Amino acid sequence: MQSNGDKTEFFLNVSHIKCRIAMAKAAFNKKRTVFTSTLDLELRKKLVKCYVWSIALYGAETWTLRAVDQKHLESFEMWCWRRMEKISWTDHVRNEEVLLRVKEQRNIQHEIRKRKANWIGHILRRNCLLQRVTEGKIQGGGIEVTGRQGRRRRKLLNDLKERR
């Protein structure tokens, strides 16, 4: 049986990605005039990636993404491009068409993978406690976790290997 603290921690982890996306959308809406102005397309794309994506992807190095989380991130990316080009969802413009208009590909998943690889490389080069924990060289002592339901949690190194 899980205690209330464990349930709260689980729900905080689940909604963390949604919270980061909401913060990034709020930042986008604050500076909407910059992103939808008559500036050059390349400059607007760089502004979105620098100003909005940095808010959304803060701490993404430590995320283990589920399929649902990946969908949320991809839809956020398309939301940014649609807002930047002033394309309403009622216009029935396909995502591929939006990507052609902004001359982009889906990059947010690639950016997360790149950040994870850089962070793991940084951690594994150091000789510290976090390195030993990440590699699984420390044995769990007194904490017994029994009766946890569902699928096993995905480990950070396994997640990185799988996505390579």
C-alpha atoms as a PDB file:
ATOM      1  CA  MET A   1       0.000   0.000   0.000  1.00  0.00           C
ATOM      2  CA  GLN A   2       1.383   3.397  -0.944  1.00  0.00           C
ATOM      3  CA  SER A   3       1.400   6.185   1.556  1.00  0.00           C
ATOM      4  CA  ASN A   4      -0.097   9.561   0.685  1.00  0.00           C
ATOM      5  CA  GLY A   5       3.397  11.010   0.281  1.00  0.00           C
ATOM      6  CA  ASP A   6       4.227   8.464  -2.434  1.00  0.00           C
ATOM      7  CA  LYS A   7       1.003   9.224  -4.322  1.00  0.00           C
ATOM      8  CA  THR A   8       1.643  12.958  -4.121  1.00  0.00           C
ATOM      9  CA  GLU A   9       5.185  12.502  -5.411  1.00  0.00           C
ATOM     10  CA  PHE A  10       3.911  10.369  -8.309  1.00  0.00           C
ATOM     11  CA  PHE A  11       1.313  12.935  -9.358  1.00  0.00           C
ATOM     12  CA  LEU A  12       3.848  15.751  -9.078  1.00  0.00           C
ATOM     13  CA  ASN A  13       6.195  13.902 -11.440  1.00  0.00           C
ATOM     14  CA  VAL A  14       3.401  13.147 -13.900  1.00  0.00           C
ATOM     15  CA  SER A  15       2.170  16.720 -14.107  1.00  0.00           C
ATOM     16  CA  HIS A  16       5.648  18.277 -14.194  1.00  0.00           C
ATOM     17  CA  ILE A  17       5.877  18.171 -17.994  1.00  0.00           C
ATOM     18  CA  LYS A  18       2.405  19.638 -18.367  1.00  0.00           C
ATOM     19  CA  CYS A  19       3.339  22.388 -15.923  1.00  0.00           C
ATOM     20  CA  ARG A  20       6.491  23.255 -17.893  1.00  0.00           C
ATOM     21  CA  ILE A  21       4.452  23.379 -21.106  1.00  0.00           C
ATOM     22  CA  ALA A  22       1.899  25.675 -19.470  1.00  0.00           C
ATOM     23  CA  MET A  23       4.681  28.022 -18.340  1.00  0.00           C
ATOM     24  CA  ALA A  24       6.123  28.098 -21.856  1.00  0.00           C
ATOM     25  CA  LYS A  25       2.716  28.832 -23.379  1.00  0.00           C
ATOM     26  CA  ALA A  26       2.255  31.696 -20.941  1.00  0.00           C
ATOM     27  CA  ALA A  27       5.664  33.093 -21.930  1.00  0.00           C
ATOM     28  CA  PHE A  28       4.734  32.773 -25.600  1.00  0.00           C
ATOM     29  CA  ASN A  29       1.462  34.622 -25.042  1.00  0.00           C
ATOM     30  CA  LYS A  30       3.248  37.424 -23.171  1.00  0.00           C
ATOM     31  CA  LYS A  31       5.538  38.054 -26.134  1.00  0.00           C
ATOM     32  CA  ARG A  32       3.027  37.179 -28.850  1.00  0.00           C
ATOM     33  CA  THR A  33       3.674  40.425 -30.753  1.00  0.00           C
ATOM     34  CA  VAL A  34       7.342  39.472 -31.183  1.00  0.00           C
ATOM     35  CA  PHE A  35       6.581  35.949 -32.429  1.00  0.00           C
ATOM     36  CA  THR A  36       3.773  36.921 -34.809  1.00  0.00           C
ATOM     37  CA  SER A  37       5.224  40.193 -36.056  1.00  0.00           C
ATOM     38  CA  THR A  38       6.716  40.965 -39.434  1.00  0.00           C
ATOM     39  CA  LEU A  39      10.176  39.817 -38.351  1.00  0.00           C
ATOM     40  CA  ASP A  40      12.086  37.389 -40.524  1.00  0.00           C
ATOM     41  CA  LEU A  41      10.904  33.763 -40.229  1.00  0.00           C
ATOM     42  CA  GLU A  42      14.348  32.484 -39.203  1.00  0.00           C
ATOM     43  CA  LEU A  43      14.608  35.090 -36.448  1.00  0.00           C
ATOM     44  CA  ARG A  44      11.143  34.225 -35.121  1.00  0.00           C
ATOM     45  CA  LYS A  45      12.030  30.508 -35.078  1.00  0.00           C
ATOM     46  CA  LYS A  46      15.218  31.245 -33.154  1.00  0.00           C
ATOM     47  CA  LEU A  47      13.265  33.377 -30.687  1.00  0.00           C
ATOM     48  CA  VAL A  48      10.739  30.578 -30.111  1.00  0.00           C
ATOM     49  CA  LYS A  49      13.476  27.998 -29.567  1.00  0.00           C
ATOM     50  CA  CYS A  50      15.494  30.267 -27.303  1.00  0.00           C
ATOM     51  CA  TYR A  51      12.760  31.942 -25.284  1.00  0.00           C
ATOM     52  CA  VAL A  52       9.886  29.440 -25.202  1.00  0.00           C
ATOM     53  CA  TRP A  53      11.522  26.032 -25.579  1.00  0.00           C
ATOM     54  CA  SER A  54      14.076  26.821 -22.896  1.00  0.00           C
ATOM     55  CA  ILE A  55      11.209  27.289 -20.436  1.00  0.00           C
ATOM     56  CA  ALA A  56       9.411  24.128 -21.562  1.00  0.00           C
ATOM     57  CA  LEU A  57      12.505  21.929 -21.538  1.00  0.00           C
ATOM     58  CA  TYR A  58      13.996  23.088 -18.254  1.00  0.00           C
ATOM     59  CA  GLY A  59      15.182  19.938 -16.480  1.00  0.00           C
ATOM     60  CA  ALA A  60      14.370  17.681 -19.451  1.00  0.00           C
ATOM     61  CA  GLU A  61      17.695  15.909 -18.976  1.00  0.00           C
ATOM     62  CA  THR A  62      16.237  13.924 -16.095  1.00  0.00           C
ATOM     63  CA  TRP A  63      12.842  13.115 -17.595  1.00  0.00           C
ATOM     64  CA  THR A  64      11.928   9.565 -18.529  1.00  0.00           C
ATOM     65  CA  LEU A  65       9.307  10.171 -21.170  1.00  0.00           C
ATOM     66  CA  ARG A  66       6.255   8.024 -21.558  1.00  0.00           C
ATOM     67  CA  ALA A  67       4.292   7.903 -24.815  1.00  0.00           C
ATOM     68  CA  VAL A  68       1.722  10.321 -23.363  1.00  0.00           C
ATOM     69  CA  ASP A  69       4.444  12.808 -22.447  1.00  0.00           C
ATOM     70  CA  GLN A  70       5.907  12.602 -25.941  1.00  0.00           C
ATOM     71  CA  LYS A  71       2.490  13.388 -27.408  1.00  0.00           C
ATOM     72  CA  HIS A  72       2.128  16.410 -25.128  1.00  0.00           C
ATOM     73  CA  LEU A  73       5.538  17.721 -26.177  1.00  0.00           C
ATOM     74  CA  GLU A  74       4.884  17.197 -29.885  1.00  0.00           C
ATOM     75  CA  SER A  75       1.518  18.921 -29.669  1.00  0.00           C
ATOM     76  CA  PHE A  76       3.170  21.805 -27.808  1.00  0.00           C
ATOM     77  CA  GLU A  77       5.724  22.121 -30.592  1.00  0.00           C
ATOM     78  CA  MET A  78       2.989  22.245 -33.223  1.00  0.00           C
ATOM     79  CA  TRP A  79       1.046  24.732 -31.080  1.00  0.00           C
ATOM     80  CA  CYS A  80       4.075  27.061 -31.144  1.00  0.00           C
ATOM     81  CA  TRP A  81       4.460  26.882 -34.926  1.00  0.00           C
ATOM     82  CA  ARG A  82       0.735  27.349 -35.503  1.00  0.00           C
ATOM     83  CA  ARG A  83       0.581  30.379 -33.216  1.00  0.00           C
ATOM     84  CA  MET A  84       3.678  31.842 -34.799  1.00  0.00           C
ATOM     85  CA  GLU A  85       2.100  31.570 -38.270  1.00  0.00           C
ATOM     86  CA  LYS A  86      -1.373  32.628 -37.010  1.00  0.00           C
ATOM     87  CA  ILE A  87      -2.955  29.351 -38.132  1.00  0.00           C
ATOM     88  CA  SER A  88      -6.105  28.472 -36.209  1.00  0.00           C
ATOM     89  CA  TRP A  89      -6.952  24.855 -35.509  1.00  0.00           C
ATOM     90  CA  THR A  90     -10.349  25.476 -37.162  1.00  0.00           C
ATOM     91  CA  ASP A  91      -8.585  26.147 -40.485  1.00  0.00           C
ATOM     92  CA  HIS A  92      -8.015  22.391 -40.851  1.00  0.00           C
ATOM     93  CA  VAL A  93      -4.362  22.778 -41.861  1.00  0.00           C
ATOM     94  CA  ARG A  94      -2.419  19.538 -41.427  1.00  0.00           C
ATOM     95  CA  ASN A  95       0.682  19.440 -39.254  1.00  0.00           C
ATOM     96  CA  GLU A  96       2.873  18.571 -42.240  1.00  0.00           C
ATOM     97  CA  GLU A  97       1.666  21.710 -44.022  1.00  0.00           C
ATOM     98  CA  VAL A  98       2.440  23.844 -40.971  1.00  0.00           C
ATOM     99  CA  LEU A  99       5.951  22.373 -40.796  1.00  0.00           C
ATOM    100  CA  LEU A 100       6.462  23.139 -44.495  1.00  0.00           C
ATOM    101  CA  ARG A 101       5.343  26.738 -43.982  1.00  0.00           C
ATOM    102  CA  VAL A 102       7.830  27.311 -41.172  1.00  0.00           C
ATOM    103  CA  LYS A 103      10.509  25.203 -42.921  1.00  0.00           C
ATOM    104  CA  GLU A 104      11.028  23.030 -39.844  1.00  0.00           C
ATOM    105  CA  GLN A 105      10.915  19.409 -38.794  1.00  0.00           C
ATOM    106  CA  ARG A 106       9.776  18.023 -35.483  1.00  0.00           C
ATOM    107  CA  ASN A 107      12.769  18.807 -33.283  1.00  0.00           C
ATOM    108  CA  ILE A 108      11.644  18.822 -29.663  1.00  0.00           C
ATOM    109  CA  GLN A 109      12.230  15.081 -29.088  1.00  0.00           C
ATOM    110  CA  HIS A 110      15.649  15.338 -30.737  1.00  0.00           C
ATOM    111  CA  GLU A 111      16.522  18.309 -28.513  1.00  0.00           C
ATOM    112  CA  ILE A 112      15.579  16.347 -25.372  1.00  0.00           C
ATOM    113  CA  ARG A 113      17.674  13.351 -26.484  1.00  0.00           C
ATOM    114  CA  LYS A 114      20.638  15.617 -27.159  1.00  0.00           C
ATOM    115  CA  ARG A 115      20.328  17.268 -23.734  1.00  0.00           C
ATOM    116  CA  LYS A 116      20.065  13.877 -22.025  1.00  0.00           C
ATOM    117  CA  ALA A 117      23.157  12.577 -23.781  1.00  0.00           C
ATOM    118  CA  ASN A 118      25.151  15.672 -22.821  1.00  0.00           C
ATOM    119  CA  TRP A 119      23.999  15.482 -19.206  1.00  0.00           C
ATOM    120  CA  ILE A 120      24.714  11.746 -18.866  1.00  0.00           C
ATOM    121  CA  GLY A 121      28.161  12.257 -20.388  1.00  0.00           C
ATOM    122  CA  HIS A 122      28.819  15.041 -17.897  1.00  0.00           C
ATOM    123  CA  ILE A 123      27.687  12.895 -14.941  1.00  0.00           C
ATOM    124  CA  LEU A 124      29.607   9.781 -15.992  1.00  0.00           C
ATOM    125  CA  ARG A 125      32.870  11.702 -16.423  1.00  0.00           C
ATOM    126  CA  ARG A 126      32.775  12.842 -12.794  1.00  0.00           C
ATOM    127  CA  ASN A 127      33.639  10.665  -9.825  1.00  0.00           C
ATOM    128  CA  CYS A 128      30.707  11.387  -7.544  1.00  0.00           C
ATOM    129  CA  LEU A 129      27.766   9.815  -5.781  1.00  0.00           C
ATOM    130  CA  LEU A 130      25.394  10.636  -8.639  1.00  0.00           C
ATOM    131  CA  GLN A 131      27.592   8.677 -11.050  1.00  0.00           C
ATOM    132  CA  ARG A 132      27.524   5.578  -8.832  1.00  0.00           C
ATOM    133  CA  VAL A 133      23.759   5.854  -8.373  1.00  0.00           C
ATOM    134  CA  THR A 134      23.212   6.279 -12.127  1.00  0.00           C
ATOM    135  CA  GLU A 135      25.356   3.256 -12.933  1.00  0.00           C
ATOM    136  CA  GLY A 136      23.593   1.195 -10.258  1.00  0.00           C
ATOM    137  CA  LYS A 137      26.717   0.467  -8.198  1.00  0.00           C
ATOM    138  CA  ILE A 138      25.103   1.359  -4.871  1.00  0.00           C
ATOM    139  CA  GLN A 139      22.992  -1.293  -3.192  1.00  0.00           C
ATOM    140  CA  GLY A 140      19.728  -0.244  -1.588  1.00  0.00           C
ATOM    141  CA  GLY A 141      20.056  -0.861   2.123  1.00  0.00           C
ATOM    142  CA  GLY A 142      17.175  -0.383   4.479  1.00  0.00           C
ATOM    143  CA  ILE A 143      14.389   0.701   2.159  1.00  0.00           C
ATOM    144  CA  GLU A 144      12.122  -2.129   1.076  1.00  0.00           C
ATOM    145  CA  VAL A 145       9.595  -1.328  -1.635  1.00  0.00           C
ATOM    146  CA  THR A 146       6.986  -4.032  -1.809  1.00  0.00           C
ATOM    147  CA  GLY A 147       3.621  -4.242  -3.428  1.00  0.00           C
ATOM    148  CA  ARG A 148       4.248  -1.552  -6.049  1.00  0.00           C
ATOM    149  CA  GLN A 149       1.742  -2.018  -8.801  1.00  0.00           C
ATOM    150  CA  GLY A 150       2.241  -1.611 -12.512  1.00  0.00           C
ATOM    151  CA  ARG A 151       5.197  -1.651 -14.826  1.00  0.00           C
ATOM    152  CA  ARG A 152       8.758  -1.329 -13.556  1.00  0.00           C
ATOM    153  CA  ARG A 153      10.162   2.169 -13.649  1.00  0.00           C
ATOM    154  CA  ARG A 154      12.408   2.868 -16.601  1.00  0.00           C
ATOM    155  CA  LYS A 155      15.998   3.539 -15.602  1.00  0.00           C
ATOM    156  CA  LEU A 156      17.824   6.566 -16.935  1.00  0.00           C
ATOM    157  CA  LEU A 157      20.647   4.715 -18.709  1.00  0.00           C
ATOM    158  CA  ASN A 158      18.257   2.165 -20.221  1.00  0.00           C
ATOM    159  CA  ASP A 159      16.053   4.983 -21.480  1.00  0.00           C
ATOM    160  CA  LEU A 160      19.037   6.646 -23.141  1.00  0.00           C
ATOM    161  CA  LYS A 161      20.213   3.376 -24.764  1.00  0.00           C
ATOM    162  CA  GLU A 162      16.726   2.608 -26.019  1.00  0.00           C
ATOM    163  CA  ARG A 163      16.276   6.013 -27.648  1.00  0.00           C
ATOM    164  CA  ARG A 164      19.687   6.023 -29.381  1.00  0.00           C
END
